[in-house]
Amino acid sequence: MTEDAQAALLGRLRKKSHEELLFVVEQLLERKPDIGPLIELLIELPFTNASQAGNIPGKGGSRTLDLSSIHKQVEAALRYAGGGYKSVFLMAEELSRLCGIGDDFAEAGEWANAQAVYAAITGEAIARYEELEDECQIAEVIDDCTEGLAICLDTQRDLPEEERLSDASREELLTALFAIWTFGQDYGGINTDVVDTIASNVTNDERTMVEGWLQQELHTKQESKWRTQGLESFLVKLKEGI
């Protein structure tokens, strides 16, 4: 659909009543049931119309998204492309759209929702990375989401306590960032400085937790010299942050 056609369609929809719009959605769901998870995800998007704007206490640390709807959308994006030489470009395009939903939440200060979207995308993309061809397109999306996760963590220090992520959400965020860093060590393509982001933001308990992850990597795997140096450098950075 062209931009002009899209604008014309939106103009027609704006003239419809609440009941008429609900009828349109019902018909869409009846004809395209796979669109349900996307609608579930979009329902939670922040509405930024000036007349509706306002601060909702505690929105930063509150996750209102259904995690299953996020994962279904990521899985659908990875399936959407099908086969052929253009498939990875179509996958990257769909995942970028989902990353944009995470950006919308971040811009609205809904950090728990933003984190959930970014983490779902990176987790699924990394898990399936070796199945893809011309993976650099997907690596770019992973890096965009990594930047979003880094912003989520960086922002916490300046937020009032009631807007901050819970301890459990912070652990999920750090887990996602560490998985991305490990992925980057193996495949490259991650430009966001994950090490500095983690080292400069962790609490003492979190530092101990991340050190444990690094030590486990060092002692349970046969690492190359280069990879071992990366793990040791990460450990040094963590200790410098004390």
C-alpha atoms as a PDB file:
ATOM      1  CA  MET A   1       0.000   0.000   0.000  1.00  0.00           C
ATOM      2  CA  THR A   2       1.365   3.424  -0.959  1.00  0.00           C
ATOM      3  CA  GLU A   3       1.647   6.251   1.585  1.00  0.00           C
ATOM      4  CA  ASP A   4      -1.212   8.131  -0.116  1.00  0.00           C
ATOM      5  CA  ALA A   5      -3.461   5.077  -0.030  1.00  0.00           C
ATOM      6  CA  GLN A   6      -2.566   4.466   3.625  1.00  0.00           C
ATOM      7  CA  ALA A   7      -3.350   8.078   4.522  1.00  0.00           C
ATOM      8  CA  ALA A   8      -6.695   7.848   2.725  1.00  0.00           C
ATOM      9  CA  LEU A   9      -7.566   4.633   4.580  1.00  0.00           C
ATOM     10  CA  LEU A  10      -6.658   6.144   7.945  1.00  0.00           C
ATOM     11  CA  GLY A  11      -8.800   9.162   7.119  1.00  0.00           C
ATOM     12  CA  ARG A  12     -11.795   6.905   6.508  1.00  0.00           C
ATOM     13  CA  LEU A  13     -11.179   4.972   9.728  1.00  0.00           C
ATOM     14  CA  ARG A  14     -11.068   8.190  11.764  1.00  0.00           C
ATOM     15  CA  LYS A  15     -14.625   8.894  10.696  1.00  0.00           C
ATOM     16  CA  LYS A  16     -15.873   5.574  12.060  1.00  0.00           C
ATOM     17  CA  SER A  17     -17.515   5.190  15.450  1.00  0.00           C
ATOM     18  CA  HIS A  18     -16.072   3.125  18.295  1.00  0.00           C
ATOM     19  CA  GLU A  19     -18.508   0.295  17.536  1.00  0.00           C
ATOM     20  CA  GLU A  20     -17.689   0.356  13.832  1.00  0.00           C
ATOM     21  CA  LEU A  21     -13.956   0.155  14.525  1.00  0.00           C
ATOM     22  CA  LEU A  22     -14.495  -2.793  16.852  1.00  0.00           C
ATOM     23  CA  PHE A  23     -16.469  -4.501  14.097  1.00  0.00           C
ATOM     24  CA  VAL A  24     -13.524  -3.975  11.696  1.00  0.00           C
ATOM     25  CA  VAL A  25     -11.138  -5.546  14.225  1.00  0.00           C
ATOM     26  CA  GLU A  26     -13.502  -8.482  14.779  1.00  0.00           C
ATOM     27  CA  GLN A  27     -13.649  -9.096  11.055  1.00  0.00           C
ATOM     28  CA  LEU A  28      -9.868  -8.932  10.792  1.00  0.00           C
ATOM     29  CA  LEU A  29      -9.487 -11.498  13.566  1.00  0.00           C
ATOM     30  CA  GLU A  30     -12.041 -13.762  11.939  1.00  0.00           C
ATOM     31  CA  ARG A  31     -10.285 -13.657   8.569  1.00  0.00           C
ATOM     32  CA  LYS A  32      -6.702 -13.452   9.845  1.00  0.00           C
ATOM     33  CA  PRO A  33      -6.535 -15.175  13.285  1.00  0.00           C
ATOM     34  CA  ASP A  34      -2.726 -15.058  13.200  1.00  0.00           C
ATOM     35  CA  ILE A  35      -2.939 -11.294  13.643  1.00  0.00           C
ATOM     36  CA  GLY A  36      -4.229 -11.749  17.212  1.00  0.00           C
ATOM     37  CA  PRO A  37      -0.819 -11.677  18.974  1.00  0.00           C
ATOM     38  CA  LEU A  38       0.135  -8.509  17.091  1.00  0.00           C
ATOM     39  CA  ILE A  39      -3.081  -6.796  18.159  1.00  0.00           C
ATOM     40  CA  GLU A  40      -2.425  -7.901  21.766  1.00  0.00           C
ATOM     41  CA  LEU A  41       1.011  -6.294  21.552  1.00  0.00           C
ATOM     42  CA  LEU A  42      -0.192  -3.087  19.891  1.00  0.00           C
ATOM     43  CA  ILE A  43      -3.003  -2.621  22.423  1.00  0.00           C
ATOM     44  CA  GLU A  44      -0.348  -1.964  25.080  1.00  0.00           C
ATOM     45  CA  LEU A  45       1.497   0.669  23.050  1.00  0.00           C
ATOM     46  CA  PRO A  46       1.603   4.093  24.729  1.00  0.00           C
ATOM     47  CA  PHE A  47      -0.906   6.514  23.225  1.00  0.00           C
ATOM     48  CA  THR A  48       0.927   9.819  22.864  1.00  0.00           C
ATOM     49  CA  ASN A  49      -1.957  12.035  21.743  1.00  0.00           C
ATOM     50  CA  ALA A  50      -1.666  15.257  23.736  1.00  0.00           C
ATOM     51  CA  SER A  51      -5.200  14.926  25.072  1.00  0.00           C
ATOM     52  CA  GLN A  52      -4.381  11.511  26.526  1.00  0.00           C
ATOM     53  CA  ALA A  53      -0.869  12.276  27.748  1.00  0.00           C
ATOM     54  CA  GLY A  54      -0.086  12.091  31.421  1.00  0.00           C
ATOM     55  CA  ASN A  55       2.209  10.488  33.901  1.00  0.00           C
ATOM     56  CA  ILE A  56       1.068   7.138  35.229  1.00  0.00           C
ATOM     57  CA  PRO A  57       2.819   6.469  38.561  1.00  0.00           C
ATOM     58  CA  GLY A  58       5.049   3.406  38.443  1.00  0.00           C
ATOM     59  CA  LYS A  59       4.691   2.857  34.692  1.00  0.00           C
ATOM     60  CA  GLY A  60       8.450   2.577  34.202  1.00  0.00           C
ATOM     61  CA  GLY A  61       8.833  -0.598  36.208  1.00  0.00           C
ATOM     62  CA  SER A  62       5.445  -2.158  35.418  1.00  0.00           C
ATOM     63  CA  ARG A  63       5.259  -4.777  32.687  1.00  0.00           C
ATOM     64  CA  THR A  64       1.801  -4.750  31.135  1.00  0.00           C
ATOM     65  CA  LEU A  65       2.693  -6.844  28.098  1.00  0.00           C
ATOM     66  CA  ASP A  66       1.789 -10.492  27.777  1.00  0.00           C
ATOM     67  CA  LEU A  67       5.156 -12.148  27.150  1.00  0.00           C
ATOM     68  CA  SER A  68       3.536 -14.892  25.093  1.00  0.00           C
ATOM     69  CA  SER A  69       2.185 -12.311  22.626  1.00  0.00           C
ATOM     70  CA  ILE A  70       5.680 -10.897  22.161  1.00  0.00           C
ATOM     71  CA  HIS A  71       7.236 -14.283  21.532  1.00  0.00           C
ATOM     72  CA  LYS A  72       4.459 -15.227  19.125  1.00  0.00           C
ATOM     73  CA  GLN A  73       5.108 -12.075  17.143  1.00  0.00           C
ATOM     74  CA  VAL A  74       8.852 -12.690  17.024  1.00  0.00           C
ATOM     75  CA  GLU A  75       8.274 -16.265  15.913  1.00  0.00           C
ATOM     76  CA  ALA A  76       5.821 -15.052  13.274  1.00  0.00           C
ATOM     77  CA  ALA A  77       8.392 -12.536  12.024  1.00  0.00           C
ATOM     78  CA  LEU A  78      10.982 -15.285  11.684  1.00  0.00           C
ATOM     79  CA  ARG A  79       8.480 -17.518   9.861  1.00  0.00           C
ATOM     80  CA  TYR A  80       7.024 -14.767   7.730  1.00  0.00           C
ATOM     81  CA  ALA A  81       9.843 -14.563   5.229  1.00  0.00           C
ATOM     82  CA  GLY A  82       9.659 -18.158   4.025  1.00  0.00           C
ATOM     83  CA  GLY A  83      12.520 -19.300   1.816  1.00  0.00           C
ATOM     84  CA  GLY A  84      14.497 -17.799  -1.024  1.00  0.00           C
ATOM     85  CA  TYR A  85      17.319 -15.326  -1.258  1.00  0.00           C
ATOM     86  CA  LYS A  86      15.180 -12.429   0.019  1.00  0.00           C
ATOM     87  CA  SER A  87      14.019 -14.253   3.136  1.00  0.00           C
ATOM     88  CA  VAL A  88      16.585 -12.857   5.554  1.00  0.00           C
ATOM     89  CA  PHE A  89      15.846  -9.295   4.412  1.00  0.00           C
ATOM     90  CA  LEU A  90      12.139  -9.838   5.060  1.00  0.00           C
ATOM     91  CA  MET A  91      12.918 -11.337   8.490  1.00  0.00           C
ATOM     92  CA  ALA A  92      15.105  -8.370   9.367  1.00  0.00           C
ATOM     93  CA  GLU A  93      12.389  -5.961   8.232  1.00  0.00           C
ATOM     94  CA  GLU A  94       9.754  -7.632  10.402  1.00  0.00           C
ATOM     95  CA  LEU A  95      12.067  -7.823  13.422  1.00  0.00           C
ATOM     96  CA  SER A  96      12.972  -4.146  12.952  1.00  0.00           C
ATOM     97  CA  ARG A  97       9.293  -3.252  13.145  1.00  0.00           C
ATOM     98  CA  LEU A  98       9.049  -5.131  16.433  1.00  0.00           C
ATOM     99  CA  CYS A  99      12.215  -3.411  17.679  1.00  0.00           C
ATOM    100  CA  GLY A 100      10.454  -0.131  16.864  1.00  0.00           C
ATOM    101  CA  ILE A 101       7.656  -1.144  19.246  1.00  0.00           C
ATOM    102  CA  GLY A 102      10.318  -1.514  21.944  1.00  0.00           C
ATOM    103  CA  ASP A 103      11.594   1.968  21.033  1.00  0.00           C
ATOM    104  CA  ASP A 104       8.066   3.381  21.432  1.00  0.00           C
ATOM    105  CA  PHE A 105       7.841   1.945  24.933  1.00  0.00           C
ATOM    106  CA  ALA A 106      11.295   3.292  25.806  1.00  0.00           C
ATOM    107  CA  GLU A 107      10.417   6.777  24.554  1.00  0.00           C
ATOM    108  CA  ALA A 108       7.326   6.693  26.773  1.00  0.00           C
ATOM    109  CA  GLY A 109       9.420   5.648  29.785  1.00  0.00           C
ATOM    110  CA  GLU A 110       7.826   2.190  29.945  1.00  0.00           C
ATOM    111  CA  TRP A 111      11.144   0.472  30.568  1.00  0.00           C
ATOM    112  CA  ALA A 112       9.836  -2.937  31.659  1.00  0.00           C
ATOM    113  CA  ASN A 113       7.763  -3.245  28.478  1.00  0.00           C
ATOM    114  CA  ALA A 114      10.624  -2.017  26.290  1.00  0.00           C
ATOM    115  CA  GLN A 115      13.036  -4.475  27.884  1.00  0.00           C
ATOM    116  CA  ALA A 116      10.625  -7.365  27.319  1.00  0.00           C
ATOM    117  CA  VAL A 117      10.313  -6.590  23.610  1.00  0.00           C
ATOM    118  CA  TYR A 118      14.060  -6.145  23.044  1.00  0.00           C
ATOM    119  CA  ALA A 119      14.942  -9.298  25.007  1.00  0.00           C
ATOM    120  CA  ALA A 120      12.381 -11.425  23.160  1.00  0.00           C
ATOM    121  CA  ILE A 121      13.742 -10.339  19.779  1.00  0.00           C
ATOM    122  CA  THR A 122      17.389 -10.877  20.644  1.00  0.00           C
ATOM    123  CA  GLY A 123      16.751 -14.185  22.389  1.00  0.00           C
ATOM    124  CA  GLU A 124      14.871 -15.735  19.455  1.00  0.00           C
ATOM    125  CA  ALA A 125      17.171 -14.266  16.805  1.00  0.00           C
ATOM    126  CA  ILE A 126      20.295 -15.555  18.555  1.00  0.00           C
ATOM    127  CA  ALA A 127      18.765 -18.991  19.075  1.00  0.00           C
ATOM    128  CA  ARG A 128      18.074 -19.323  15.335  1.00  0.00           C
ATOM    129  CA  TYR A 129      21.054 -17.407  14.010  1.00  0.00           C
ATOM    130  CA  GLU A 130      22.920 -20.391  12.616  1.00  0.00           C
ATOM    131  CA  GLU A 131      19.857 -21.455  10.603  1.00  0.00           C
ATOM    132  CA  LEU A 132      19.909 -18.231   8.600  1.00  0.00           C
ATOM    133  CA  GLU A 133      21.770 -17.202   5.479  1.00  0.00           C
ATOM    134  CA  ASP A 134      23.355 -13.759   5.094  1.00  0.00           C
ATOM    135  CA  GLU A 135      23.007 -13.271   8.847  1.00  0.00           C
ATOM    136  CA  CYS A 136      24.446  -9.746   8.916  1.00  0.00           C
ATOM    137  CA  GLN A 137      20.952  -8.308   8.375  1.00  0.00           C
ATOM    138  CA  ILE A 138      19.718 -10.039  11.528  1.00  0.00           C
ATOM    139  CA  ALA A 139      22.872  -9.031  13.431  1.00  0.00           C
ATOM    140  CA  GLU A 140      22.001  -5.386  12.753  1.00  0.00           C
ATOM    141  CA  VAL A 141      18.582  -5.853  14.339  1.00  0.00           C
ATOM    142  CA  ILE A 142      20.156  -7.629  17.323  1.00  0.00           C
ATOM    143  CA  ASP A 143      22.521  -4.681  17.753  1.00  0.00           C
ATOM    144  CA  ASP A 144      19.643  -2.175  17.539  1.00  0.00           C
ATOM    145  CA  CYS A 145      17.824  -4.079  20.289  1.00  0.00           C
ATOM    146  CA  THR A 146      21.048  -4.294  22.297  1.00  0.00           C
ATOM    147  CA  GLU A 147      21.326  -0.523  22.181  1.00  0.00           C
ATOM    148  CA  GLY A 148      17.754  -0.351  23.457  1.00  0.00           C
ATOM    149  CA  LEU A 149      18.539  -2.710  26.328  1.00  0.00           C
ATOM    150  CA  ALA A 150      21.630  -0.666  27.178  1.00  0.00           C
ATOM    151  CA  ILE A 151      19.528   2.505  27.321  1.00  0.00           C
ATOM    152  CA  CYS A 152      17.018   0.743  29.582  1.00  0.00           C
ATOM    153  CA  LEU A 153      19.826  -0.086  32.015  1.00  0.00           C
ATOM    154  CA  ASP A 154      21.674   3.245  31.748  1.00  0.00           C
ATOM    155  CA  THR A 155      18.491   5.172  32.475  1.00  0.00           C
ATOM    156  CA  GLN A 156      17.729   3.398  35.749  1.00  0.00           C
ATOM    157  CA  ARG A 157      20.252   5.312  37.841  1.00  0.00           C
ATOM    158  CA  ASP A 158      18.491   8.656  37.242  1.00  0.00           C
ATOM    159  CA  LEU A 159      14.916   7.461  37.764  1.00  0.00           C
ATOM    160  CA  PRO A 160      12.892   7.902  40.955  1.00  0.00           C
ATOM    161  CA  GLU A 161      12.721   4.607  42.829  1.00  0.00           C
ATOM    162  CA  GLU A 162       9.061   3.977  41.989  1.00  0.00           C
ATOM    163  CA  GLU A 163       9.842   4.116  38.241  1.00  0.00           C
ATOM    164  CA  ARG A 164      12.822   1.764  38.294  1.00  0.00           C
ATOM    165  CA  LEU A 165      12.873  -1.837  37.141  1.00  0.00           C
ATOM    166  CA  SER A 166      12.405  -4.491  39.801  1.00  0.00           C
ATOM    167  CA  ASP A 167      15.348  -6.646  40.858  1.00  0.00           C
ATOM    168  CA  ALA A 168      13.896  -9.531  38.845  1.00  0.00           C
ATOM    169  CA  SER A 169      13.551  -7.366  35.719  1.00  0.00           C
ATOM    170  CA  ARG A 170      17.099  -6.085  36.131  1.00  0.00           C
ATOM    171  CA  GLU A 171      18.373  -9.665  36.314  1.00  0.00           C
ATOM    172  CA  GLU A 172      16.455 -10.500  33.124  1.00  0.00           C
ATOM    173  CA  LEU A 173      17.962  -7.444  31.446  1.00  0.00           C
ATOM    174  CA  LEU A 174      21.505  -8.337  32.509  1.00  0.00           C
ATOM    175  CA  THR A 175      20.954 -11.937  31.418  1.00  0.00           C
ATOM    176  CA  ALA A 176      19.870 -10.739  27.975  1.00  0.00           C
ATOM    177  CA  LEU A 177      22.849  -8.396  27.653  1.00  0.00           C
ATOM    178  CA  PHE A 178      25.285 -11.115  28.727  1.00  0.00           C
ATOM    179  CA  ALA A 179      23.802 -13.554  26.190  1.00  0.00           C
ATOM    180  CA  ILE A 180      24.208 -10.914  23.484  1.00  0.00           C
ATOM    181  CA  TRP A 181      27.821 -10.247  24.506  1.00  0.00           C
ATOM    182  CA  THR A 182      28.563 -13.999  24.340  1.00  0.00           C
ATOM    183  CA  PHE A 183      26.915 -14.112  20.918  1.00  0.00           C
ATOM    184  CA  GLY A 184      29.028 -11.162  19.784  1.00  0.00           C
ATOM    185  CA  GLN A 185      32.190 -12.943  20.893  1.00  0.00           C
ATOM    186  CA  ASP A 186      31.282 -15.853  18.620  1.00  0.00           C
ATOM    187  CA  TYR A 187      29.770 -14.081  15.618  1.00  0.00           C
ATOM    188  CA  GLY A 188      30.592 -10.374  15.831  1.00  0.00           C
ATOM    189  CA  GLY A 189      28.165  -7.721  14.630  1.00  0.00           C
ATOM    190  CA  ILE A 190      27.509  -6.131  18.048  1.00  0.00           C
ATOM    191  CA  ASN A 191      28.706  -2.530  18.174  1.00  0.00           C
ATOM    192  CA  THR A 192      27.029  -1.560  21.449  1.00  0.00           C
ATOM    193  CA  ASP A 193      29.536  -1.592  24.324  1.00  0.00           C
ATOM    194  CA  VAL A 194      27.841  -4.239  26.445  1.00  0.00           C
ATOM    195  CA  VAL A 195      30.790  -4.652  28.802  1.00  0.00           C
ATOM    196  CA  ASP A 196      30.931  -0.972  29.760  1.00  0.00           C
ATOM    197  CA  THR A 197      27.135  -0.795  30.063  1.00  0.00           C
ATOM    198  CA  ILE A 198      27.056  -3.687  32.514  1.00  0.00           C
ATOM    199  CA  ALA A 199      30.199  -2.730  34.445  1.00  0.00           C
ATOM    200  CA  SER A 200      29.075   0.852  35.008  1.00  0.00           C
ATOM    201  CA  ASN A 201      25.531   0.012  36.114  1.00  0.00           C
ATOM    202  CA  VAL A 202      25.555  -3.164  38.213  1.00  0.00           C
ATOM    203  CA  THR A 203      24.938  -3.227  41.929  1.00  0.00           C
ATOM    204  CA  ASN A 204      27.360  -5.160  44.130  1.00  0.00           C
ATOM    205  CA  ASP A 205      25.107  -8.225  44.141  1.00  0.00           C
ATOM    206  CA  GLU A 206      24.693  -8.027  40.376  1.00  0.00           C
ATOM    207  CA  ARG A 207      28.445  -7.692  39.917  1.00  0.00           C
ATOM    208  CA  THR A 208      28.937 -10.909  41.847  1.00  0.00           C
ATOM    209  CA  MET A 209      26.298 -12.600  39.683  1.00  0.00           C
ATOM    210  CA  VAL A 210      27.916 -11.495  36.401  1.00  0.00           C
ATOM    211  CA  GLU A 211      31.372 -12.492  37.676  1.00  0.00           C
ATOM    212  CA  GLY A 212      29.928 -15.944  38.333  1.00  0.00           C
ATOM    213  CA  TRP A 213      28.697 -16.163  34.737  1.00  0.00           C
ATOM    214  CA  LEU A 214      32.129 -15.191  33.449  1.00  0.00           C
ATOM    215  CA  GLN A 215      33.934 -17.644  35.703  1.00  0.00           C
ATOM    216  CA  GLN A 216      31.603 -20.403  34.558  1.00  0.00           C
ATOM    217  CA  GLU A 217      32.403 -19.583  30.929  1.00  0.00           C
ATOM    218  CA  LEU A 218      36.117 -19.701  31.721  1.00  0.00           C
ATOM    219  CA  HIS A 219      36.027 -23.002  33.588  1.00  0.00           C
ATOM    220  CA  THR A 220      33.442 -25.062  31.745  1.00  0.00           C
ATOM    221  CA  LYS A 221      34.369 -24.464  28.106  1.00  0.00           C
ATOM    222  CA  GLN A 222      37.449 -24.958  26.000  1.00  0.00           C
ATOM    223  CA  GLU A 223      37.965 -21.351  25.043  1.00  0.00           C
ATOM    224  CA  SER A 224      40.257 -19.983  22.354  1.00  0.00           C
ATOM    225  CA  LYS A 225      43.000 -17.636  23.484  1.00  0.00           C
ATOM    226  CA  TRP A 226      41.116 -14.682  21.986  1.00  0.00           C
ATOM    227  CA  ARG A 227      37.857 -15.620  23.702  1.00  0.00           C
ATOM    228  CA  THR A 228      39.615 -16.183  27.028  1.00  0.00           C
ATOM    229  CA  GLN A 229      41.141 -12.726  26.750  1.00  0.00           C
ATOM    230  CA  GLY A 230      37.675 -11.282  26.178  1.00  0.00           C
ATOM    231  CA  LEU A 231      36.319 -13.002  29.310  1.00  0.00           C
ATOM    232  CA  GLU A 232      39.276 -11.878  31.409  1.00  0.00           C
ATOM    233  CA  SER A 233      38.970  -8.307  30.103  1.00  0.00           C
ATOM    234  CA  PHE A 234      35.290  -8.317  31.060  1.00  0.00           C
ATOM    235  CA  LEU A 235      36.198  -9.465  34.579  1.00  0.00           C
ATOM    236  CA  VAL A 236      38.743  -6.648  34.905  1.00  0.00           C
ATOM    237  CA  LYS A 237      36.162  -4.085  33.795  1.00  0.00           C
ATOM    238  CA  LEU A 238      33.714  -5.361  36.404  1.00  0.00           C
ATOM    239  CA  LYS A 239      36.296  -5.030  39.185  1.00  0.00           C
ATOM    240  CA  GLU A 240      37.234  -1.521  38.016  1.00  0.00           C
ATOM    241  CA  GLY A 241      33.611  -0.503  38.497  1.00  0.00           C
ATOM    242  CA  ILE A 242      33.740  -1.215  42.242  1.00  0.00           C
END
